[in-house]
């Protein structure tokens, strides 16, 4: 499996949680989608660290929360 395929699988595993976190805080679908994209861009930059990490979900939720609150 290539790194791109691994990241795609990683993203699919966490996309609903990231989006729902942003949606709950922003109450706006378009803005929640934008925040979700930003979260996964940050995750892609750190995918070497996050890919197999048991704390990846918590990290993603925290980034989604912080980006939403700062938005």
Protein backbone atom coordinates (compact mmCIF):
# COMPACT_ATOMS: atom_id res chain seq x y z
CA UNK A 1 0.00 0.00 0.00
CA UNK A 2 1.44 3.39 -0.98
CA UNK A 3 1.64 6.31 1.42
CA UNK A 4 -1.16 8.06 -0.47
CA UNK A 5 -3.39 5.00 -0.05
CA UNK A 6 -2.50 4.79 3.63
CA UNK A 7 -3.40 8.45 4.14
CA UNK A 8 -6.66 7.99 2.26
CA UNK A 9 -7.60 5.08 4.56
CA UNK A 10 -6.54 7.15 7.59
CA UNK A 11 -8.68 10.06 6.42
CA UNK A 12 -11.71 7.83 5.80
CA UNK A 13 -11.40 6.45 9.33
CA UNK A 14 -11.48 9.89 10.94
CA UNK A 15 -13.37 12.17 8.54
CA UNK A 16 -16.78 11.84 10.24
CA UNK A 17 -15.35 12.58 13.68
CA UNK A 18 -13.41 15.62 12.43
CA UNK A 19 -16.38 17.00 10.49
CA UNK A 20 -18.86 16.43 13.34
CA UNK A 21 -16.51 18.15 15.79
CA UNK A 22 -16.26 21.21 13.54
CA UNK A 23 -19.99 21.15 12.75
CA UNK A 24 -20.93 21.02 16.42
CA UNK A 25 -18.81 24.09 17.14
CA UNK A 26 -19.54 26.12 14.02
CA UNK A 27 -23.12 25.11 13.14
CA UNK A 28 -22.32 25.84 9.48
CA UNK A 29 -21.73 23.03 7.01
CA UNK A 30 -19.52 24.96 4.58
CA UNK A 31 -17.28 26.27 7.35
CA UNK A 32 -17.08 22.81 8.96
CA UNK A 33 -16.00 21.36 5.60
CA UNK A 34 -13.29 24.03 5.30
CA UNK A 35 -12.03 23.33 8.81
CA UNK A 36 -12.02 19.59 8.09
CA UNK A 37 -9.85 20.19 5.05
CA UNK A 38 -7.43 22.27 7.11
CA UNK A 39 -7.26 19.55 9.76
CA UNK A 40 -6.37 16.90 7.20
CA UNK A 41 -3.79 19.15 5.56
CA UNK A 42 -2.09 19.44 8.94
CA UNK A 43 -2.43 15.68 9.44
CA UNK A 44 -0.84 15.04 6.04
CA UNK A 45 2.16 17.15 7.01
CA UNK A 46 2.60 14.97 10.14
CA UNK A 47 1.42 11.67 8.71
CA UNK A 48 4.74 9.99 9.44
CA UNK A 49 4.10 10.56 13.14
CA UNK A 50 0.32 10.10 13.14
CA UNK A 51 -0.16 7.22 10.74
CA UNK A 52 0.11 4.42 13.29
CA UNK A 53 -0.26 6.47 16.46
CA UNK A 54 -2.92 5.32 18.95
CA UNK A 55 -3.49 8.99 19.86
CA UNK A 56 -4.19 10.18 16.29
CA UNK A 57 -7.91 10.53 16.93
CA UNK A 58 -7.38 12.75 19.95
CA UNK A 59 -4.87 14.87 18.06
CA UNK A 60 -7.28 15.31 15.14
CA UNK A 61 -10.16 16.22 17.48
CA UNK A 62 -8.00 18.77 19.29
CA UNK A 63 -6.85 20.37 16.02
CA UNK A 64 -10.45 20.46 14.73
CA UNK A 65 -11.60 22.05 17.98
CA UNK A 66 -8.85 24.65 18.03
CA UNK A 67 -9.27 25.59 14.37
CA UNK A 68 -13.04 25.87 14.83
CA UNK A 69 -12.73 28.04 17.92
CA UNK A 70 -10.16 30.27 16.21
CA UNK A 71 -12.35 30.57 13.14
